[in-house]
């Protein structure tokens, strides 16, 4: 297959997903050609970090989603994506349009690399990657496409124990909190027989975590700045209890659809995908699959 032919399926999938989202935006009365259409809710936190760095302060009356919150600010959001936004702003690019470009390019690159490294010929898997529920976050002013791209690169380089794997892992860890936990964990799965390699494969992500804590301490004056704000959203959640609680919500609901039931269907979809991953790994018994199960179960 020629190079351009090898790139055609993921590019077509990317364009199709983008067209679907643009159509949905238009149907909802929003112009897909306006950067503000793709910037919602937490996008503002990433933009504020890019403009002014981290901020933490005592909540003022009526501030924040939780009326009982003591601390407010943007310290619960990770810095890799805002750093890219700040770099774009430093060369004179408007912040929101730059965020849209970064997200769209990262989404396209993720599909290209997935196809080239893992999914060649598997059109169904490519469609799942391109049209996964929640795909709008990969095209919005959010870090999810950057996290996905760094994760795909990390897993690929990890398989080969490449020296740059740790760097990709650090980017994933600084893009989204999931990466901070799962990068070292998956590295341990790969390097369990070669413990000396864990430092190179997972060390940069761990160092990145300490660097984030230090940066927030320097900018806000508190070592616990991340947790001060993150805890206002409920802190840690016990997975099994959460699972059964959402099933009870579905069981007790008057109908299967509605905005409040979206998390239930998301939960069930993720559970089905996890079961499919486990079944595939049991069938093939490969090391990559074991790491994939660890990654998916952790998420």
C-alpha atoms as a PDB file:
ATOM      1  CA  UNK A   1       0.000   0.000   0.000  1.00  0.00           C
ATOM      2  CA  UNK A   2       1.359   3.400  -0.942  1.00  0.00           C
ATOM      3  CA  UNK A   3       2.038   5.933   1.773  1.00  0.00           C
ATOM      4  CA  UNK A   4      -0.807   8.205   0.712  1.00  0.00           C
ATOM      5  CA  UNK A   5      -3.128   5.202   0.567  1.00  0.00           C
ATOM      6  CA  UNK A   6      -2.114   4.168   4.075  1.00  0.00           C
ATOM      7  CA  UNK A   7      -3.027   7.607   5.383  1.00  0.00           C
ATOM      8  CA  UNK A   8      -6.328   7.884   3.546  1.00  0.00           C
ATOM      9  CA  UNK A   9      -8.582   5.831   5.922  1.00  0.00           C
ATOM     10  CA  UNK A  10      -7.629   7.687   9.154  1.00  0.00           C
ATOM     11  CA  UNK A  11      -7.816  11.069   7.431  1.00  0.00           C
ATOM     12  CA  UNK A  12     -11.229  10.176   6.015  1.00  0.00           C
ATOM     13  CA  UNK A  13     -12.374   9.046   9.473  1.00  0.00           C
ATOM     14  CA  UNK A  14     -11.100  12.303  10.996  1.00  0.00           C
ATOM     15  CA  UNK A  15     -12.877  14.418   8.403  1.00  0.00           C
ATOM     16  CA  UNK A  16     -16.086  12.430   8.817  1.00  0.00           C
ATOM     17  CA  UNK A  17     -16.047  12.882  12.598  1.00  0.00           C
ATOM     18  CA  UNK A  18     -15.324  16.596  12.216  1.00  0.00           C
ATOM     19  CA  UNK A  19     -18.155  16.950   9.697  1.00  0.00           C
ATOM     20  CA  UNK A  20     -20.539  15.201  12.080  1.00  0.00           C
ATOM     21  CA  UNK A  21     -19.629  17.577  14.903  1.00  0.00           C
ATOM     22  CA  UNK A  22     -19.905  20.617  12.633  1.00  0.00           C
ATOM     23  CA  UNK A  23     -23.349  19.440  11.572  1.00  0.00           C
ATOM     24  CA  UNK A  24     -24.381  18.956  15.201  1.00  0.00           C
ATOM     25  CA  UNK A  25     -23.138  22.443  16.079  1.00  0.00           C
ATOM     26  CA  UNK A  26     -25.057  23.969  13.176  1.00  0.00           C
ATOM     27  CA  UNK A  27     -28.223  22.086  14.139  1.00  0.00           C
ATOM     28  CA  UNK A  28     -27.883  23.453  17.685  1.00  0.00           C
ATOM     29  CA  UNK A  29     -27.604  27.006  16.387  1.00  0.00           C
ATOM     30  CA  UNK A  30     -23.828  27.456  16.773  1.00  0.00           C
ATOM     31  CA  UNK A  31     -21.453  28.304  13.958  1.00  0.00           C
ATOM     32  CA  UNK A  32     -18.728  25.665  13.663  1.00  0.00           C
ATOM     33  CA  UNK A  33     -16.475  28.340  12.186  1.00  0.00           C
ATOM     34  CA  UNK A  34     -16.445  30.342  15.431  1.00  0.00           C
ATOM     35  CA  UNK A  35     -13.731  29.304  17.897  1.00  0.00           C
ATOM     36  CA  UNK A  36     -16.066  30.083  20.791  1.00  0.00           C
ATOM     37  CA  UNK A  37     -18.318  27.227  19.657  1.00  0.00           C
ATOM     38  CA  UNK A  38     -15.574  24.784  20.645  1.00  0.00           C
ATOM     39  CA  UNK A  39     -14.755  26.454  23.983  1.00  0.00           C
ATOM     40  CA  UNK A  40     -17.112  25.498  26.819  1.00  0.00           C
ATOM     41  CA  UNK A  41     -17.018  25.090  30.604  1.00  0.00           C
ATOM     42  CA  UNK A  42     -13.539  23.869  31.614  1.00  0.00           C
ATOM     43  CA  UNK A  43     -12.031  25.413  28.485  1.00  0.00           C
ATOM     44  CA  UNK A  44     -11.972  28.646  30.456  1.00  0.00           C
ATOM     45  CA  UNK A  45      -9.721  27.098  33.109  1.00  0.00           C
ATOM     46  CA  UNK A  46      -7.186  25.963  30.518  1.00  0.00           C
ATOM     47  CA  UNK A  47      -7.241  29.410  28.918  1.00  0.00           C
ATOM     48  CA  UNK A  48      -6.747  31.134  32.268  1.00  0.00           C
ATOM     49  CA  UNK A  49      -3.731  28.932  33.039  1.00  0.00           C
ATOM     50  CA  UNK A  50      -2.280  29.813  29.639  1.00  0.00           C
ATOM     51  CA  UNK A  51      -2.787  33.530  30.280  1.00  0.00           C
ATOM     52  CA  UNK A  52      -1.906  33.936  33.951  1.00  0.00           C
ATOM     53  CA  UNK A  53      -0.669  30.631  35.362  1.00  0.00           C
ATOM     54  CA  UNK A  54      -2.208  28.925  38.367  1.00  0.00           C
ATOM     55  CA  UNK A  55      -4.556  30.702  40.753  1.00  0.00           C
ATOM     56  CA  UNK A  56      -5.897  29.552  44.132  1.00  0.00           C
ATOM     57  CA  UNK A  57      -7.990  31.606  46.518  1.00  0.00           C
ATOM     58  CA  UNK A  58     -10.623  31.285  49.181  1.00  0.00           C
ATOM     59  CA  UNK A  59     -14.043  30.943  47.557  1.00  0.00           C
ATOM     60  CA  UNK A  60     -16.165  34.038  47.569  1.00  0.00           C
ATOM     61  CA  UNK A  61     -19.925  33.797  48.291  1.00  0.00           C
ATOM     62  CA  UNK A  62     -21.672  32.147  45.354  1.00  0.00           C
ATOM     63  CA  UNK A  63     -18.421  31.189  43.625  1.00  0.00           C
ATOM     64  CA  UNK A  64     -17.897  27.664  42.355  1.00  0.00           C
ATOM     65  CA  UNK A  65     -20.252  24.736  41.736  1.00  0.00           C
ATOM     66  CA  UNK A  66     -20.055  23.438  45.306  1.00  0.00           C
ATOM     67  CA  UNK A  67     -21.597  25.837  47.846  1.00  0.00           C
ATOM     68  CA  UNK A  68     -19.506  24.255  50.613  1.00  0.00           C
ATOM     69  CA  UNK A  69     -16.171  24.613  48.781  1.00  0.00           C
ATOM     70  CA  UNK A  70     -13.429  26.444  50.653  1.00  0.00           C
ATOM     71  CA  UNK A  71     -10.922  26.825  47.809  1.00  0.00           C
ATOM     72  CA  UNK A  72     -11.526  28.044  44.273  1.00  0.00           C
ATOM     73  CA  UNK A  73      -9.224  28.503  41.296  1.00  0.00           C
ATOM     74  CA  UNK A  74      -7.792  26.590  38.346  1.00  0.00           C
ATOM     75  CA  UNK A  75      -5.282  24.294  40.100  1.00  0.00           C
ATOM     76  CA  UNK A  76      -7.314  21.120  39.419  1.00  0.00           C
ATOM     77  CA  UNK A  77      -6.498  21.360  35.698  1.00  0.00           C
ATOM     78  CA  UNK A  78      -3.239  20.053  34.262  1.00  0.00           C
ATOM     79  CA  UNK A  79      -0.672  22.185  32.414  1.00  0.00           C
ATOM     80  CA  UNK A  80       0.443  20.463  29.183  1.00  0.00           C
ATOM     81  CA  UNK A  81      -2.401  21.817  27.034  1.00  0.00           C
ATOM     82  CA  UNK A  82      -2.239  25.343  28.538  1.00  0.00           C
ATOM     83  CA  UNK A  83       1.495  25.383  27.837  1.00  0.00           C
ATOM     84  CA  UNK A  84       0.768  24.798  24.150  1.00  0.00           C
ATOM     85  CA  UNK A  85      -1.870  27.530  24.252  1.00  0.00           C
ATOM     86  CA  UNK A  86       0.619  29.898  25.883  1.00  0.00           C
ATOM     87  CA  UNK A  87       3.223  29.071  23.233  1.00  0.00           C
ATOM     88  CA  UNK A  88       0.696  29.888  20.501  1.00  0.00           C
ATOM     89  CA  UNK A  89      -0.212  33.153  22.219  1.00  0.00           C
ATOM     90  CA  UNK A  90       3.480  34.035  22.566  1.00  0.00           C
ATOM     91  CA  UNK A  91       3.832  34.115  18.765  1.00  0.00           C
ATOM     92  CA  UNK A  92       0.741  36.278  18.403  1.00  0.00           C
ATOM     93  CA  UNK A  93      -2.008  33.712  17.758  1.00  0.00           C
ATOM     94  CA  UNK A  94      -5.442  34.245  19.357  1.00  0.00           C
ATOM     95  CA  UNK A  95      -5.890  31.831  22.244  1.00  0.00           C
ATOM     96  CA  UNK A  96      -9.202  30.145  21.416  1.00  0.00           C
ATOM     97  CA  UNK A  97      -8.545  29.593  17.676  1.00  0.00           C
ATOM     98  CA  UNK A  98      -5.109  28.237  18.583  1.00  0.00           C
ATOM     99  CA  UNK A  99      -6.743  25.808  21.010  1.00  0.00           C
ATOM    100  CA  UNK A 100      -9.097  24.563  18.304  1.00  0.00           C
ATOM    101  CA  UNK A 101      -6.202  24.029  15.884  1.00  0.00           C
ATOM    102  CA  UNK A 102      -4.148  22.182  18.514  1.00  0.00           C
ATOM    103  CA  UNK A 103      -7.058  19.884  19.383  1.00  0.00           C
ATOM    104  CA  UNK A 104      -8.009  19.147  15.776  1.00  0.00           C
ATOM    105  CA  UNK A 105      -4.427  18.432  14.714  1.00  0.00           C
ATOM    106  CA  UNK A 106      -3.845  16.189  17.740  1.00  0.00           C
ATOM    107  CA  UNK A 107      -7.084  14.308  17.001  1.00  0.00           C
ATOM    108  CA  UNK A 108      -5.992  13.730  13.399  1.00  0.00           C
ATOM    109  CA  UNK A 109      -2.497  12.647  14.468  1.00  0.00           C
ATOM    110  CA  UNK A 110      -3.976  10.195  16.983  1.00  0.00           C
ATOM    111  CA  UNK A 111      -6.056   8.462  14.310  1.00  0.00           C
ATOM    112  CA  UNK A 112      -3.117   8.409  11.891  1.00  0.00           C
ATOM    113  CA  UNK A 113      -0.795   6.785  14.420  1.00  0.00           C
ATOM    114  CA  UNK A 114      -3.438   4.375  15.683  1.00  0.00           C
ATOM    115  CA  UNK A 115      -4.026   3.218  12.126  1.00  0.00           C
ATOM    116  CA  UNK A 116      -0.373   3.029  11.206  1.00  0.00           C
ATOM    117  CA  UNK A 117       0.830   1.276  14.364  1.00  0.00           C
ATOM    118  CA  UNK A 118      -2.097  -0.749  15.695  1.00  0.00           C
ATOM    119  CA  UNK A 119      -5.220  -0.831  13.510  1.00  0.00           C
ATOM    120  CA  UNK A 120      -4.020  -1.289   9.919  1.00  0.00           C
ATOM    121  CA  UNK A 121      -6.869  -2.963   8.038  1.00  0.00           C
ATOM    122  CA  UNK A 122      -9.257  -2.935  11.015  1.00  0.00           C
ATOM    123  CA  UNK A 123     -11.846  -0.488   9.760  1.00  0.00           C
ATOM    124  CA  UNK A 124     -14.317  -1.254  12.535  1.00  0.00           C
ATOM    125  CA  UNK A 125     -11.760  -0.377  15.185  1.00  0.00           C
ATOM    126  CA  UNK A 126     -10.896   2.820  13.312  1.00  0.00           C
ATOM    127  CA  UNK A 127     -14.574   3.789  13.240  1.00  0.00           C
ATOM    128  CA  UNK A 128     -14.828   3.179  16.998  1.00  0.00           C
ATOM    129  CA  UNK A 129     -11.829   5.448  17.571  1.00  0.00           C
ATOM    130  CA  UNK A 130     -13.144   8.175  15.293  1.00  0.00           C
ATOM    131  CA  UNK A 131     -16.757   8.178  16.501  1.00  0.00           C
ATOM    132  CA  UNK A 132     -16.470   7.213  20.144  1.00  0.00           C
ATOM    133  CA  UNK A 133     -19.146   8.756  22.389  1.00  0.00           C
ATOM    134  CA  UNK A 134     -17.814  12.022  23.742  1.00  0.00           C
ATOM    135  CA  UNK A 135     -15.666  12.536  20.646  1.00  0.00           C
ATOM    136  CA  UNK A 136     -16.542  16.240  20.744  1.00  0.00           C
ATOM    137  CA  UNK A 137     -13.989  16.634  23.551  1.00  0.00           C
ATOM    138  CA  UNK A 138     -11.243  15.611  21.114  1.00  0.00           C
ATOM    139  CA  UNK A 139     -12.101  18.585  18.901  1.00  0.00           C
ATOM    140  CA  UNK A 140     -12.950  21.139  21.592  1.00  0.00           C
ATOM    141  CA  UNK A 141     -10.627  23.409  23.562  1.00  0.00           C
ATOM    142  CA  UNK A 142      -9.793  20.556  25.921  1.00  0.00           C
ATOM    143  CA  UNK A 143      -6.647  18.435  26.435  1.00  0.00           C
ATOM    144  CA  UNK A 144      -8.228  15.080  25.593  1.00  0.00           C
ATOM    145  CA  UNK A 145      -6.810  14.828  22.060  1.00  0.00           C
ATOM    146  CA  UNK A 146      -3.351  15.763  23.351  1.00  0.00           C
ATOM    147  CA  UNK A 147      -3.645  13.124  26.058  1.00  0.00           C
ATOM    148  CA  UNK A 148      -4.818  10.521  23.541  1.00  0.00           C
ATOM    149  CA  UNK A 149      -1.965  11.332  21.163  1.00  0.00           C
ATOM    150  CA  UNK A 150       0.692  11.198  23.892  1.00  0.00           C
ATOM    151  CA  UNK A 151      -0.756   7.927  25.193  1.00  0.00           C
ATOM    152  CA  UNK A 152      -0.666   6.254  21.773  1.00  0.00           C
ATOM    153  CA  UNK A 153       2.933   7.374  21.251  1.00  0.00           C
ATOM    154  CA  UNK A 154       3.843   6.229  24.762  1.00  0.00           C
ATOM    155  CA  UNK A 155       2.419   2.731  24.315  1.00  0.00           C
ATOM    156  CA  UNK A 156       4.156   2.332  20.953  1.00  0.00           C
ATOM    157  CA  UNK A 157       7.542   3.452  22.260  1.00  0.00           C
ATOM    158  CA  UNK A 158       7.053   1.462  25.445  1.00  0.00           C
ATOM    159  CA  UNK A 159       6.720  -1.739  23.431  1.00  0.00           C
ATOM    160  CA  UNK A 160      10.129  -1.044  21.938  1.00  0.00           C
ATOM    161  CA  UNK A 161      11.596   0.286  25.203  1.00  0.00           C
ATOM    162  CA  UNK A 162      12.596   3.366  23.263  1.00  0.00           C
ATOM    163  CA  UNK A 163      14.428   6.070  25.201  1.00  0.00           C
ATOM    164  CA  UNK A 164      11.795   8.658  24.228  1.00  0.00           C
ATOM    165  CA  UNK A 165       8.961   6.627  25.759  1.00  0.00           C
ATOM    166  CA  UNK A 166       9.447   8.361  29.073  1.00  0.00           C
ATOM    167  CA  UNK A 167       9.063  11.777  27.458  1.00  0.00           C
ATOM    168  CA  UNK A 168       5.783  10.772  25.803  1.00  0.00           C
ATOM    169  CA  UNK A 169       4.627   9.398  29.142  1.00  0.00           C
ATOM    170  CA  UNK A 170       5.457  12.674  30.852  1.00  0.00           C
ATOM    171  CA  UNK A 171       3.390  14.594  28.279  1.00  0.00           C
ATOM    172  CA  UNK A 172       0.457  12.228  28.861  1.00  0.00           C
ATOM    173  CA  UNK A 173       0.833  12.637  32.617  1.00  0.00           C
ATOM    174  CA  UNK A 174       0.844  16.436  32.402  1.00  0.00           C
ATOM    175  CA  UNK A 175      -2.074  16.492  29.954  1.00  0.00           C
ATOM    176  CA  UNK A 176      -4.654  14.758  32.132  1.00  0.00           C
ATOM    177  CA  UNK A 177      -4.712  13.263  35.660  1.00  0.00           C
ATOM    178  CA  UNK A 178      -5.355   9.719  34.388  1.00  0.00           C
ATOM    179  CA  UNK A 179      -1.911   9.701  32.807  1.00  0.00           C
ATOM    180  CA  UNK A 180      -0.224  10.557  36.096  1.00  0.00           C
ATOM    181  CA  UNK A 181      -1.395   7.225  37.555  1.00  0.00           C
ATOM    182  CA  UNK A 182      -1.494   4.926  34.558  1.00  0.00           C
ATOM    183  CA  UNK A 183       1.816   5.755  32.877  1.00  0.00           C
ATOM    184  CA  UNK A 184       3.957   4.351  35.722  1.00  0.00           C
ATOM    185  CA  UNK A 185       1.543   1.440  36.192  1.00  0.00           C
ATOM    186  CA  UNK A 186       1.681   0.341  32.557  1.00  0.00           C
ATOM    187  CA  UNK A 187       5.452   0.819  32.507  1.00  0.00           C
ATOM    188  CA  UNK A 188       5.675  -1.587  35.434  1.00  0.00           C
ATOM    189  CA  UNK A 189       3.656  -4.176  33.483  1.00  0.00           C
ATOM    190  CA  UNK A 190       6.065  -3.963  30.559  1.00  0.00           C
ATOM    191  CA  UNK A 191       9.242  -3.846  32.604  1.00  0.00           C
ATOM    192  CA  UNK A 192       8.299  -6.320  35.334  1.00  0.00           C
ATOM    193  CA  UNK A 193      11.124  -8.625  34.238  1.00  0.00           C
ATOM    194  CA  UNK A 194      13.545  -5.743  33.699  1.00  0.00           C
ATOM    195  CA  UNK A 195      13.118  -3.568  36.765  1.00  0.00           C
ATOM    196  CA  UNK A 196      16.103  -1.466  35.803  1.00  0.00           C
ATOM    197  CA  UNK A 197      14.115  -0.075  32.867  1.00  0.00           C
ATOM    198  CA  UNK A 198      11.236   1.253  34.970  1.00  0.00           C
ATOM    199  CA  UNK A 199      13.123   4.417  35.865  1.00  0.00           C
ATOM    200  CA  UNK A 200      13.635   5.320  32.201  1.00  0.00           C
ATOM    201  CA  UNK A 201      10.118   4.351  31.098  1.00  0.00           C
ATOM    202  CA  UNK A 202       8.092   5.758  34.002  1.00  0.00           C
ATOM    203  CA  UNK A 203      10.520   8.118  35.728  1.00  0.00           C
ATOM    204  CA  UNK A 204       9.795  11.210  33.598  1.00  0.00           C
ATOM    205  CA  UNK A 205       6.064  10.958  34.379  1.00  0.00           C
ATOM    206  CA  UNK A 206       6.781  10.719  38.100  1.00  0.00           C
ATOM    207  CA  UNK A 207       9.178  13.670  37.898  1.00  0.00           C
ATOM    208  CA  UNK A 208       6.525  15.600  35.971  1.00  0.00           C
ATOM    209  CA  UNK A 209       4.084  15.002  38.809  1.00  0.00           C
ATOM    210  CA  UNK A 210       6.494  16.421  41.386  1.00  0.00           C
ATOM    211  CA  UNK A 211       7.237  19.337  39.054  1.00  0.00           C
ATOM    212  CA  UNK A 212       3.523  20.132  38.839  1.00  0.00           C
ATOM    213  CA  UNK A 213       3.193  20.159  42.624  1.00  0.00           C
ATOM    214  CA  UNK A 214       6.268  22.400  42.900  1.00  0.00           C
ATOM    215  CA  UNK A 215       5.030  24.797  40.191  1.00  0.00           C
ATOM    216  CA  UNK A 216       1.676  25.145  41.913  1.00  0.00           C
ATOM    217  CA  UNK A 217       3.415  25.706  45.249  1.00  0.00           C
ATOM    218  CA  UNK A 218       5.499  28.504  43.749  1.00  0.00           C
ATOM    219  CA  UNK A 219       2.484  30.140  42.090  1.00  0.00           C
ATOM    220  CA  UNK A 220      -0.144  29.689  44.819  1.00  0.00           C
ATOM    221  CA  UNK A 221       1.813  29.242  48.032  1.00  0.00           C
ATOM    222  CA  UNK A 222       0.285  25.829  48.845  1.00  0.00           C
ATOM    223  CA  UNK A 223       1.710  22.347  48.300  1.00  0.00           C
ATOM    224  CA  UNK A 224      -1.832  20.925  48.217  1.00  0.00           C
ATOM    225  CA  UNK A 225      -3.184  23.368  45.620  1.00  0.00           C
ATOM    226  CA  UNK A 226      -4.329  20.634  43.217  1.00  0.00           C
ATOM    227  CA  UNK A 227      -6.203  18.711  45.902  1.00  0.00           C
ATOM    228  CA  UNK A 228      -7.678  21.857  47.454  1.00  0.00           C
ATOM    229  CA  UNK A 229      -9.734  22.474  44.312  1.00  0.00           C
ATOM    230  CA  UNK A 230     -10.115  18.876  43.095  1.00  0.00           C
ATOM    231  CA  UNK A 231     -11.688  17.829  46.399  1.00  0.00           C
ATOM    232  CA  UNK A 232     -14.550  20.267  45.849  1.00  0.00           C
ATOM    233  CA  UNK A 233     -15.699  17.917  43.060  1.00  0.00           C
ATOM    234  CA  UNK A 234     -16.114  14.971  45.399  1.00  0.00           C
ATOM    235  CA  UNK A 235     -12.564  13.697  45.891  1.00  0.00           C
ATOM    236  CA  UNK A 236     -11.896  10.000  45.372  1.00  0.00           C
ATOM    237  CA  UNK A 237     -14.726   7.689  44.352  1.00  0.00           C
ATOM    238  CA  UNK A 238     -14.958   3.982  45.072  1.00  0.00           C
ATOM    239  CA  UNK A 239     -15.530   2.324  41.667  1.00  0.00           C
ATOM    240  CA  UNK A 240     -17.784  -0.588  42.660  1.00  0.00           C
ATOM    241  CA  UNK A 241     -20.131   1.605  44.693  1.00  0.00           C
ATOM    242  CA  UNK A 242     -20.321   4.112  41.839  1.00  0.00           C
ATOM    243  CA  UNK A 243     -21.119   1.329  39.363  1.00  0.00           C
ATOM    244  CA  UNK A 244     -24.048  -0.053  41.359  1.00  0.00           C
ATOM    245  CA  UNK A 245     -25.341   3.409  42.236  1.00  0.00           C
ATOM    246  CA  UNK A 246     -25.686   4.304  38.534  1.00  0.00           C
ATOM    247  CA  UNK A 247     -27.364   0.981  37.782  1.00  0.00           C
ATOM    248  CA  UNK A 248     -29.892   1.741  40.506  1.00  0.00           C
ATOM    249  CA  UNK A 249     -30.520   5.117  38.891  1.00  0.00           C
ATOM    250  CA  UNK A 250     -31.311   3.385  35.580  1.00  0.00           C
ATOM    251  CA  UNK A 251     -33.508   0.781  37.285  1.00  0.00           C
ATOM    252  CA  UNK A 252     -35.537   3.410  39.150  1.00  0.00           C
ATOM    253  CA  UNK A 253     -35.890   5.825  36.228  1.00  0.00           C
ATOM    254  CA  UNK A 254     -39.179   6.328  34.412  1.00  0.00           C
ATOM    255  CA  UNK A 255     -37.545   5.883  31.001  1.00  0.00           C
ATOM    256  CA  UNK A 256     -34.238   4.788  29.482  1.00  0.00           C
ATOM    257  CA  UNK A 257     -33.306   8.157  27.987  1.00  0.00           C
ATOM    258  CA  UNK A 258     -32.743  11.674  29.230  1.00  0.00           C
ATOM    259  CA  UNK A 259     -29.897  13.980  30.117  1.00  0.00           C
ATOM    260  CA  UNK A 260     -29.493  12.631  33.645  1.00  0.00           C
ATOM    261  CA  UNK A 261     -29.095   9.070  32.329  1.00  0.00           C
ATOM    262  CA  UNK A 262     -26.179   9.896  30.030  1.00  0.00           C
ATOM    263  CA  UNK A 263     -23.608   8.810  32.679  1.00  0.00           C
ATOM    264  CA  UNK A 264     -25.392   5.457  33.014  1.00  0.00           C
ATOM    265  CA  UNK A 265     -25.080   4.651  29.333  1.00  0.00           C
ATOM    266  CA  UNK A 266     -21.505   5.882  29.355  1.00  0.00           C
ATOM    267  CA  UNK A 267     -20.768   3.549  32.253  1.00  0.00           C
ATOM    268  CA  UNK A 268     -22.367   0.570  30.503  1.00  0.00           C
ATOM    269  CA  UNK A 269     -20.510   1.307  27.266  1.00  0.00           C
ATOM    270  CA  UNK A 270     -17.167   1.499  29.059  1.00  0.00           C
ATOM    271  CA  UNK A 271     -17.962  -1.764  30.852  1.00  0.00           C
ATOM    272  CA  UNK A 272     -18.747  -3.528  27.570  1.00  0.00           C
ATOM    273  CA  UNK A 273     -15.524  -2.222  26.000  1.00  0.00           C
ATOM    274  CA  UNK A 274     -13.507  -3.360  29.012  1.00  0.00           C
ATOM    275  CA  UNK A 275     -15.075  -6.823  28.821  1.00  0.00           C
ATOM    276  CA  UNK A 276     -14.190  -6.960  25.111  1.00  0.00           C
ATOM    277  CA  UNK A 277     -10.576  -6.029  25.867  1.00  0.00           C
ATOM    278  CA  UNK A 278     -10.323  -8.701  28.556  1.00  0.00           C
ATOM    279  CA  UNK A 279     -11.818 -11.314  26.225  1.00  0.00           C
ATOM    280  CA  UNK A 280      -9.349 -10.407  23.461  1.00  0.00           C
ATOM    281  CA  UNK A 281      -6.390 -10.588  25.837  1.00  0.00           C
ATOM    282  CA  UNK A 282      -7.469 -13.980  27.197  1.00  0.00           C
ATOM    283  CA  UNK A 283      -7.690 -15.221  23.628  1.00  0.00           C
ATOM    284  CA  UNK A 284      -4.312 -13.947  22.418  1.00  0.00           C
ATOM    285  CA  UNK A 285      -2.161 -13.967  25.607  1.00  0.00           C
ATOM    286  CA  UNK A 286       0.140 -11.144  24.508  1.00  0.00           C
ATOM    287  CA  UNK A 287       2.049  -8.664  26.679  1.00  0.00           C
ATOM    288  CA  UNK A 288       0.548  -5.671  24.901  1.00  0.00           C
ATOM    289  CA  UNK A 289      -2.899  -6.935  25.821  1.00  0.00           C
ATOM    290  CA  UNK A 290      -2.049  -7.242  29.500  1.00  0.00           C
ATOM    291  CA  UNK A 291      -0.876  -3.648  29.560  1.00  0.00           C
ATOM    292  CA  UNK A 292      -4.039  -2.621  27.707  1.00  0.00           C
ATOM    293  CA  UNK A 293      -6.218  -4.317  30.332  1.00  0.00           C
ATOM    294  CA  UNK A 294      -4.320  -2.508  33.091  1.00  0.00           C
ATOM    295  CA  UNK A 295      -4.790   0.805  31.264  1.00  0.00           C
ATOM    296  CA  UNK A 296      -8.493   0.292  30.547  1.00  0.00           C
ATOM    297  CA  UNK A 297      -9.332  -1.019  34.027  1.00  0.00           C
ATOM    298  CA  UNK A 298      -7.500   1.910  35.566  1.00  0.00           C
ATOM    299  CA  UNK A 299      -9.412   4.416  33.452  1.00  0.00           C
END
